[in-house]
Protein backbone atom coordinates (compact mmCIF):
# COMPACT_ATOMS: atom_id res chain seq x y z
CA MET A 1 -26.39 18.92 38.12
CA ASN A 2 -23.35 16.92 39.08
CA SER A 3 -25.46 13.97 40.21
CA ASP A 4 -27.46 14.10 36.96
CA TYR A 5 -24.20 14.14 35.04
CA SER A 6 -22.84 11.20 37.00
CA PHE A 7 -26.03 9.22 36.36
CA ALA A 8 -25.90 9.96 32.62
CA LYS A 9 -22.27 8.94 32.43
CA GLN A 10 -22.94 5.78 34.41
CA ARG A 11 -26.00 4.92 32.30
CA ARG A 12 -24.03 5.25 29.06
CA LEU A 13 -21.62 2.58 30.25
CA GLN A 14 -24.19 0.37 31.97
CA ASN A 15 -24.27 -2.37 29.35
CA ILE A 16 -20.83 -1.76 27.89
CA LYS A 17 -17.95 -4.04 28.83
CA LYS A 18 -14.44 -3.42 27.59
CA ILE A 19 -12.68 -6.42 26.11
CA ASN A 20 -9.03 -7.17 25.42
CA ILE A 21 -8.25 -9.00 22.20
CA PRO A 22 -5.04 -11.03 22.46
CA ASN A 23 -2.38 -9.74 20.04
CA SER A 24 -4.61 -6.92 18.77
CA ASP A 25 -1.54 -4.83 17.87
CA GLN A 26 -0.27 -7.70 15.73
CA TYR A 27 -3.45 -7.54 13.66
CA VAL A 28 -2.83 -3.84 13.05
CA ASN A 29 0.76 -4.55 12.02
CA ASP A 30 -0.41 -7.34 9.70
CA LEU A 31 -2.81 -4.92 8.00
CA LEU A 32 0.17 -2.92 6.73
CA ASN A 33 0.49 -5.67 4.12
CA ILE A 34 -2.77 -4.50 2.57
CA GLU A 35 -2.19 -0.81 3.24
CA TYR A 36 1.14 -0.93 1.39
CA SER A 37 -0.26 -2.96 -1.51
CA LEU A 38 -1.24 0.21 -3.40
CA THR A 39 -1.90 -0.18 -7.09
CA GLY A 40 -0.05 1.69 -9.80
CA ARG A 41 -2.95 1.43 -12.23
CA SER A 42 -3.35 4.97 -13.57
CA ASP A 43 -6.83 4.26 -14.95
CA ILE A 44 -8.22 3.69 -11.46
CA PHE A 45 -5.90 5.41 -9.04
CA ILE A 46 -8.89 6.06 -6.77
CA ALA A 47 -8.54 2.38 -5.84
CA ASN A 48 -5.79 3.29 -3.38
CA ILE A 49 -8.24 5.33 -1.30
CA PHE A 50 -10.54 2.31 -1.12
CA ILE A 51 -7.66 0.03 -0.14
CA LYS A 52 -6.72 2.37 2.71
CA GLU A 53 -10.35 2.78 3.78
CA SER A 54 -10.82 -1.00 3.98
CA VAL A 55 -7.80 -1.20 6.27
CA GLN A 56 -9.09 1.68 8.40
CA LEU A 57 -12.47 0.00 8.83
CA ILE A 58 -10.83 -3.22 10.02
CA ILE A 59 -8.68 -1.27 12.49
CA ASN A 60 -11.82 0.54 13.67
CA SER A 61 -13.52 -2.81 14.23
CA ILE A 62 -10.70 -3.88 16.56
CA SER A 63 -10.96 -0.65 18.57
CA LEU A 64 -14.77 -0.77 18.73
CA PHE A 65 -14.77 -4.37 19.91
CA GLU A 66 -12.24 -3.64 22.64
CA PHE A 67 -14.25 -0.59 23.75
CA GLY A 68 -17.27 -2.88 24.06
CA TYR A 69 -19.29 -1.81 21.01
CA PHE A 70 -19.31 -5.26 19.47
CA ASP A 71 -22.18 -4.78 16.99
CA ALA A 72 -20.47 -1.68 15.57
CA ALA A 73 -17.26 -3.71 15.32
CA TYR A 74 -19.00 -6.31 13.17
CA TYR A 75 -20.59 -3.56 11.10
CA SER A 76 -17.10 -2.20 10.35
CA LEU A 77 -15.99 -5.67 9.25
CA ARG A 78 -18.96 -5.87 6.90
CA GLU A 79 -18.19 -2.43 5.52
CA ALA A 80 -14.56 -3.39 4.89
CA ILE A 81 -15.73 -6.31 2.74
CA GLU A 82 -18.22 -4.08 0.91
CA ILE A 83 -15.63 -1.37 0.22
CA SER A 84 -13.19 -3.94 -1.16
CA THR A 85 -15.98 -5.24 -3.41
CA THR A 86 -16.91 -1.74 -4.60
CA ILE A 87 -13.45 -0.90 -5.90
CA VAL A 88 -13.24 -4.21 -7.77
CA PHE A 89 -16.68 -3.40 -9.21
CA PHE A 90 -15.22 -0.13 -10.54
CA SER A 91 -12.00 -1.71 -11.76
CA GLU A 92 -13.84 -4.18 -14.01
CA MET A 93 -15.71 -1.47 -15.97
CA PRO A 94 -14.82 0.26 -19.22
CA LYS A 95 -13.56 3.81 -18.60
CA ARG A 96 -16.74 5.71 -19.52
CA GLU A 97 -19.04 3.44 -17.54
CA ARG A 98 -16.63 3.55 -14.60
CA GLU A 99 -16.67 7.34 -14.54
CA GLU A 100 -20.47 7.34 -14.56
CA LYS A 101 -20.68 4.81 -11.72
CA ILE A 102 -18.09 6.63 -9.62
CA GLU A 103 -20.05 9.86 -10.10
CA ALA A 104 -23.24 8.09 -8.99
CA TRP A 105 -21.42 6.68 -5.97
CA ARG A 106 -19.98 10.09 -5.03
CA ASN A 107 -23.38 11.79 -5.23
CA ALA A 108 -25.24 9.06 -3.35
CA LYS A 109 -27.41 8.29 -6.35
CA ASP A 110 -28.80 4.87 -7.24
CA PHE A 111 -25.94 2.45 -6.63
CA PRO A 112 -25.96 -1.37 -6.32
CA MET A 113 -25.56 -3.10 -2.96
CA GLN A 114 -22.82 -5.67 -2.36
CA GLY A 115 -24.93 -8.64 -3.49
CA GLN A 116 -25.89 -6.86 -6.69
CA MET A 117 -22.29 -5.86 -7.37
CA LEU A 118 -21.06 -9.42 -6.91
CA SER A 119 -23.83 -10.73 -9.15
CA GLN A 120 -22.82 -8.32 -11.91
CA LEU A 121 -19.14 -9.11 -11.42
CA TYR A 122 -19.77 -12.86 -11.66
CA GLN A 123 -21.73 -12.35 -14.88
CA ASN A 124 -19.80 -9.56 -16.61
CA GLY A 125 -16.49 -9.08 -14.82
CA LYS A 126 -13.70 -10.89 -16.61
CA VAL A 127 -11.29 -10.93 -13.68
CA VAL A 128 -13.69 -11.73 -10.84
CA SER A 129 -15.65 -14.34 -12.80
CA ASP A 130 -12.33 -16.06 -13.57
CA MET A 131 -11.28 -15.79 -9.93
CA LYS A 132 -14.62 -17.23 -8.80
CA GLN A 133 -14.15 -20.20 -11.11
CA LYS A 134 -10.56 -20.83 -10.00
CA GLN A 135 -11.14 -19.98 -6.31
CA ALA A 136 -14.67 -21.30 -5.74
CA PRO A 137 -14.16 -22.31 -2.06
CA PHE A 138 -12.95 -18.79 -1.22
CA PHE A 139 -15.97 -17.08 -2.77
CA ASN A 140 -18.40 -19.55 -1.19
CA GLU A 141 -16.80 -18.99 2.20
CA THR A 142 -16.93 -15.20 1.72
CA LYS A 143 -20.66 -15.38 1.03
CA GLU A 144 -21.20 -17.41 4.17
CA LEU A 145 -18.95 -15.05 6.16
CA SER A 146 -21.08 -12.04 5.21
CA LYS A 147 -24.24 -13.88 6.28
CA ARG A 148 -22.78 -14.72 9.68
CA ILE A 149 -21.50 -11.18 10.25
CA ASN A 150 -24.97 -9.87 9.47
CA LYS A 151 -26.38 -11.87 12.39
CA TYR A 152 -24.41 -9.59 14.71
CA VAL A 153 -25.24 -6.44 12.76
CA HIS A 154 -28.97 -7.24 12.58
CA LYS A 155 -29.04 -8.73 16.10
CA GLN A 156 -30.59 -12.05 15.19
CA GLY A 157 -30.69 -13.56 18.67
CA LEU A 158 -30.63 -12.29 22.26
CA ARG A 159 -26.92 -13.07 22.55
CA TYR A 160 -26.37 -10.15 20.18
CA PHE A 161 -28.21 -7.70 22.51
CA TYR A 162 -26.18 -5.53 24.87
CA VAL A 163 -28.78 -5.83 27.65
CA SER A 164 -28.68 -9.62 27.64
CA ARG A 165 -25.06 -10.22 26.68
CA ASN A 166 -23.64 -7.86 29.33
CA SER A 167 -26.21 -8.18 32.11
CA PRO A 168 -24.95 -9.33 35.55
CA ALA A 169 -26.97 -12.53 35.17
CA SER A 170 -25.50 -13.35 31.77
CA MET A 171 -23.92 -16.76 31.42
CA ASN A 172 -22.36 -15.95 28.04
CA ASN A 173 -18.83 -17.24 27.59
CA GLN A 174 -16.57 -14.21 27.13
CA ASP A 175 -13.61 -16.23 25.87
CA ALA A 176 -15.76 -17.79 23.16
CA PHE A 177 -17.10 -14.33 22.29
CA ILE A 178 -13.55 -13.01 21.77
CA LYS A 179 -12.56 -16.14 19.86
CA ASP A 180 -15.53 -15.69 17.51
CA PHE A 181 -14.63 -12.08 16.78
CA SER A 182 -10.99 -12.99 16.16
CA TYR A 183 -12.17 -15.59 13.67
CA PHE A 184 -14.34 -13.09 11.78
CA LEU A 185 -11.58 -10.48 11.94
CA GLU A 186 -8.99 -12.80 10.41
CA LYS A 187 -11.39 -13.99 7.73
CA THR A 188 -12.26 -10.40 6.81
CA ILE A 189 -8.58 -9.50 6.51
CA GLY A 190 -8.20 -12.46 4.16
CA VAL A 191 -11.19 -11.42 2.06
CA VAL A 192 -9.94 -7.84 1.64
CA ALA A 193 -6.44 -9.12 0.80
CA VAL A 194 -7.79 -11.43 -1.93
CA MET A 195 -10.23 -8.89 -3.37
CA ARG A 196 -7.27 -6.51 -3.70
CA LEU A 197 -5.78 -9.03 -6.15
CA ALA A 198 -8.65 -8.47 -8.58
CA ILE A 199 -7.19 -5.01 -9.32
CA ASP A 200 -3.75 -6.36 -10.22
CA PRO A 201 -1.62 -9.32 -9.08
CA PHE A 202 1.47 -7.48 -7.84
CA PRO A 203 1.08 -8.15 -4.08
CA ILE A 204 1.48 -11.86 -4.93
CA LEU A 205 3.70 -11.55 -8.00
CA LEU A 206 6.34 -9.58 -6.10
CA MET A 207 6.62 -12.36 -3.53
CA ASP A 208 8.39 -14.32 -6.27
CA GLU A 209 12.08 -13.31 -6.29
CA GLU A 210 12.36 -14.09 -10.00
CA ILE A 211 9.59 -11.59 -10.78
CA LYS A 212 10.64 -8.99 -8.23
CA MET A 213 14.13 -8.72 -9.72
CA ARG A 214 12.69 -8.27 -13.20
CA CYS A 215 9.91 -5.88 -12.30
CA PHE A 216 9.73 -2.12 -12.77
CA ASP A 217 9.64 0.21 -9.78
CA SER A 218 6.09 -0.50 -8.62
CA ILE A 219 4.52 1.44 -5.74
CA THR A 220 3.08 -1.90 -4.65
CA GLU A 221 4.72 -3.78 -1.81
CA ALA A 222 4.46 -7.56 -1.76
CA TYR A 223 2.47 -9.45 0.83
CA SER A 224 4.79 -11.16 3.29
CA GLU A 225 5.03 -14.94 3.47
CA ASP A 226 3.78 -14.88 7.07
CA PHE A 227 0.80 -12.70 6.14
CA VAL A 228 -0.30 -15.00 3.32
CA LYS A 229 0.18 -18.10 5.45
CA LYS A 230 -1.92 -16.60 8.25
CA TYR A 231 -4.80 -15.09 6.28
CA ILE A 232 -5.07 -16.69 2.84
CA PRO A 233 -5.53 -20.46 2.41
CA GLU A 234 -2.96 -22.16 0.21
CA GLU A 235 -5.66 -23.44 -2.15
CA THR A 236 -6.87 -19.84 -2.64
CA ILE A 237 -3.38 -18.71 -3.63
CA GLU A 238 -2.89 -21.67 -5.96
CA GLY A 239 -6.25 -20.98 -7.56
CA TYR A 240 -5.34 -17.35 -8.07
CA LYS A 241 -2.07 -18.31 -9.76
CA ASN A 242 -4.17 -20.11 -12.38
CA THR A 243 -6.20 -17.01 -13.25
CA LYS A 244 -5.66 -15.13 -16.49
CA ILE A 245 -4.74 -11.86 -14.75
CA TYR A 246 -1.90 -13.57 -12.86
CA ILE A 247 -0.65 -15.70 -15.76
CA ASP A 248 -0.63 -12.76 -18.21
CA HIS A 249 1.37 -10.52 -15.88
CA TYR A 250 3.75 -13.31 -14.92
CA SER A 251 4.36 -14.33 -18.54
CA GLU A 252 5.17 -10.75 -19.56
CA LEU A 253 7.51 -10.00 -16.66
CA ILE A 254 9.47 -13.26 -16.68
CA LYS A 255 10.70 -12.42 -20.20
CA LYS A 256 12.53 -9.33 -18.94
CA GLU A 257 16.19 -9.34 -17.96
CA LYS A 258 16.78 -10.10 -14.31
CA LYS A 259 18.44 -7.23 -12.42
CA ASN A 260 21.41 -7.75 -10.18
CA ILE A 261 20.91 -6.69 -6.59
CA VAL A 262 22.95 -3.48 -6.96
CA VAL A 263 20.84 -2.18 -9.86
CA PHE A 264 17.64 -3.37 -8.16
CA ASN A 265 18.53 -1.32 -5.07
CA ILE A 266 18.95 1.80 -7.19
CA MET A 267 15.55 1.29 -8.79
CA LYS A 268 13.64 0.31 -5.66
CA TYR A 269 15.41 1.94 -2.74
CA LYS A 270 17.40 4.74 -4.44
CA VAL A 271 20.66 3.43 -2.96
CA ILE A 272 23.74 3.75 -5.20
CA GLU A 273 26.68 1.55 -4.16
CA THR A 274 29.47 3.37 -5.98
CA ALA A 275 32.01 0.77 -4.87
CA LYS A 276 30.19 -1.68 -7.17
CA LYS A 277 30.57 0.42 -10.30
CA ASN A 278 30.99 -2.50 -12.71
CA ALA A 279 27.79 -4.15 -11.51
CA ILE A 280 25.90 -0.88 -12.00
CA LEU A 281 27.29 -0.20 -15.47
CA SER A 282 26.60 -3.78 -16.61
CA GLN A 283 22.84 -3.21 -16.27
CA ILE A 284 22.39 0.54 -16.11
CA SER A 285 20.26 0.35 -19.26
CA LEU A 286 17.54 -1.36 -17.20
CA LEU A 287 16.99 1.80 -15.14
CA ASN A 288 14.65 4.65 -16.01
CA ASP A 289 16.13 7.98 -17.11
CA VAL A 290 16.12 9.61 -13.67
CA ASP A 291 17.77 6.59 -12.04
CA LYS A 292 20.36 6.46 -14.85
CA ILE A 293 21.29 10.12 -14.45
CA ALA A 294 21.56 9.81 -10.66
CA ALA A 295 23.75 6.71 -10.98
CA ASN A 296 26.03 8.37 -13.54
CA ILE A 297 26.37 11.46 -11.34
CA ALA A 298 27.33 9.37 -8.31
CA LEU A 299 29.86 7.35 -10.31
CA SER A 300 31.42 10.41 -11.97
CA SER A 301 32.85 12.02 -8.84
CA ASN A 302 33.79 10.71 -5.41
CA LYS A 303 32.74 14.07 -3.96
CA VAL A 304 29.05 13.26 -4.54
CA VAL A 305 27.37 11.91 -1.40
CA LYS A 306 23.67 12.36 -2.13
CA ILE A 307 21.39 13.41 -5.00
CA TYR A 308 17.93 14.99 -4.91
CA VAL A 309 15.40 15.25 -7.74
CA TYR A 310 11.99 16.94 -8.11
CA ASP A 311 12.83 19.53 -5.46
CA GLY A 312 13.75 16.89 -2.90
CA VAL A 313 10.79 14.57 -3.42
CA ILE A 314 13.16 11.77 -4.51
CA GLU A 315 16.47 11.21 -2.71
CA TYR A 316 19.36 8.99 -3.80
CA PHE A 317 21.82 7.82 -1.16
CA THR A 318 25.35 6.65 -1.84
CA ASP A 319 27.77 4.54 0.19
CA ARG A 320 29.78 7.67 1.05
CA LYS A 321 29.83 9.51 4.37
CA ILE A 322 27.33 12.36 4.72
CA ASN A 323 28.49 15.40 6.70
CA ARG A 324 25.05 16.92 7.26
CA ASN A 325 23.73 16.28 10.76
CA ARG A 326 20.18 17.30 9.85
CA TYR A 327 18.41 14.61 7.84
CA SER A 328 15.19 16.53 7.16
CA THR A 329 14.76 18.49 3.93
CA SER A 330 12.36 21.13 2.67
CA THR A 331 11.10 21.80 -0.84
CA LEU A 332 11.65 25.50 -0.14
CA ASP A 333 15.37 24.79 0.33
CA PHE A 334 15.61 23.31 -3.15
CA ILE A 335 13.58 26.08 -4.76
CA HIS A 336 16.05 28.53 -3.22
CA PHE A 337 19.01 26.50 -4.51
CA ARG A 338 17.79 26.40 -8.12
CA GLU A 339 16.72 30.07 -8.15
CA ASN A 340 20.08 31.24 -6.84
CA SER A 341 22.15 32.86 -9.58
CA ASP A 342 25.19 30.93 -8.37
CA LYS A 343 24.15 27.30 -8.76
CA PHE A 344 27.32 25.69 -7.43
CA ASN A 345 28.82 25.15 -3.97
CA GLN A 346 25.84 26.58 -2.11
CA LYS A 347 26.12 26.06 1.65
CA TYR A 348 23.76 23.42 3.01
CA ASP A 349 24.34 23.00 6.75
CA GLU A 350 27.67 21.11 7.06
CA ALA A 351 27.75 20.30 3.33
CA PHE A 352 27.22 21.95 -0.08
CA ILE A 353 24.59 21.75 -2.83
CA SER A 354 25.25 22.24 -6.54
CA VAL A 355 22.42 22.32 -9.08
CA PHE A 356 22.64 20.77 -12.54
CA SER A 357 20.03 20.38 -15.25
CA PHE A 358 19.55 17.18 -17.28
CA LYS A 359 17.01 16.22 -19.89
CA VAL A 360 14.40 13.67 -18.79
CA GLU A 361 11.82 12.67 -21.40
CA ASP A 362 12.33 15.86 -23.44
CA LYS A 363 12.10 18.05 -20.36
CA ASN A 364 14.88 19.60 -18.28
CA GLU A 365 14.90 18.46 -14.67
CA PHE A 366 17.02 19.82 -11.84
CA PHE A 367 19.37 17.46 -10.01
CA TYR A 368 20.62 18.71 -6.66
CA ILE A 369 23.99 17.23 -5.78
CA GLU A 370 25.06 17.19 -2.15
CA HIS A 371 28.81 17.11 -1.57
CA ASN A 372 31.00 17.47 1.52
CA GLU A 373 33.75 19.55 -0.12
CA LYS A 374 33.49 22.23 -2.77
CA LEU A 375 33.46 21.31 -6.44
CA ASN A 376 36.24 22.80 -8.52
CA MET A 377 35.85 23.86 -12.16
CA TYR A 378 37.02 20.46 -13.38
CA ASP A 379 34.27 18.77 -11.32
CA ILE A 380 31.65 21.23 -12.56
CA ASP A 381 32.60 20.87 -16.21
CA LEU A 382 32.68 17.10 -15.87
CA LEU A 383 29.14 17.04 -14.48
CA ARG A 384 27.88 19.60 -17.01
CA THR A 385 29.03 17.46 -19.90
CA LEU A 386 28.16 14.14 -18.32
CA LYS A 387 27.24 11.46 -20.85
CA ILE A 388 24.35 9.35 -19.69
CA ASN A 389 24.76 5.62 -20.41
């Protein structure tokens, strides 16, 4: 039995050769640019699952190639392109039609293939047809890329066979083989990154400091300069900046007041620099209600070191020393704090928590204030009657 097992194990690996891709970890790190480019579009929030799946497929392709399963690696690259096309296909539809197509997709009913989707998008999709016109070289190259990837997937040539590619007598150039895959990998990353821009332009818009400082608190993170330079040709970016979707968003956002860095950090990173009170107050009106309340709380008393909202889901940090040694929090802790009959000066490790209620969009929300020393009645009354700017 042992000899049979050894033979089976040996036979499974007979035509499989592991390969090392130079800088493979860097590719994975680069893909965070796409993974963090989540869209805030509420009408198609499912898009974020597709964005993450496209990234996962590309990561899988790297692993599969290094394990020696090169045809499966190319298949994963093809699937990443198809998934990124599918979500754009959904995003271009009116709501009712989109819901019907998503239902068909979920239930494995009749659903168009990638070529059919692109054909429909070019004819009927306002965003993609505009992108195709302004970024023609990119779309032509993407079409050719898919054709070339399919040669590996469909094994069009003996060099795509395991038994010939990895046989002892093979004269195939391994360095060229790795170089080819790296080329297709980088091109696929670029395709997925550009197709993401058909949903909304924020990964590129937020690279512009003038837009970033005027923007709302988007869940989207900008692509980095290095990422764009490495994976997206300059002419593709310039073409995209001439599309209607980019111009419309840019034109709307550039009209807004530019935030100073202190107010921007409150909005984006939930960091309140109380030592820069004047800078905060000069533009506090640009913050949403929750950010405004948190900022006013922090500025009202020097005992406040941290603020939690939505049972600890959102945390605001200040520039004051925190006494707590444990940085982790639990929703159960905050539920206990707000259900306690005594809302103030509740022990929280080496610090205290006091719970206050403020109105946010016609609804009372609990704000949990962490402080190193107990609040006295003056502090409590001051916070209870706090006027929100």
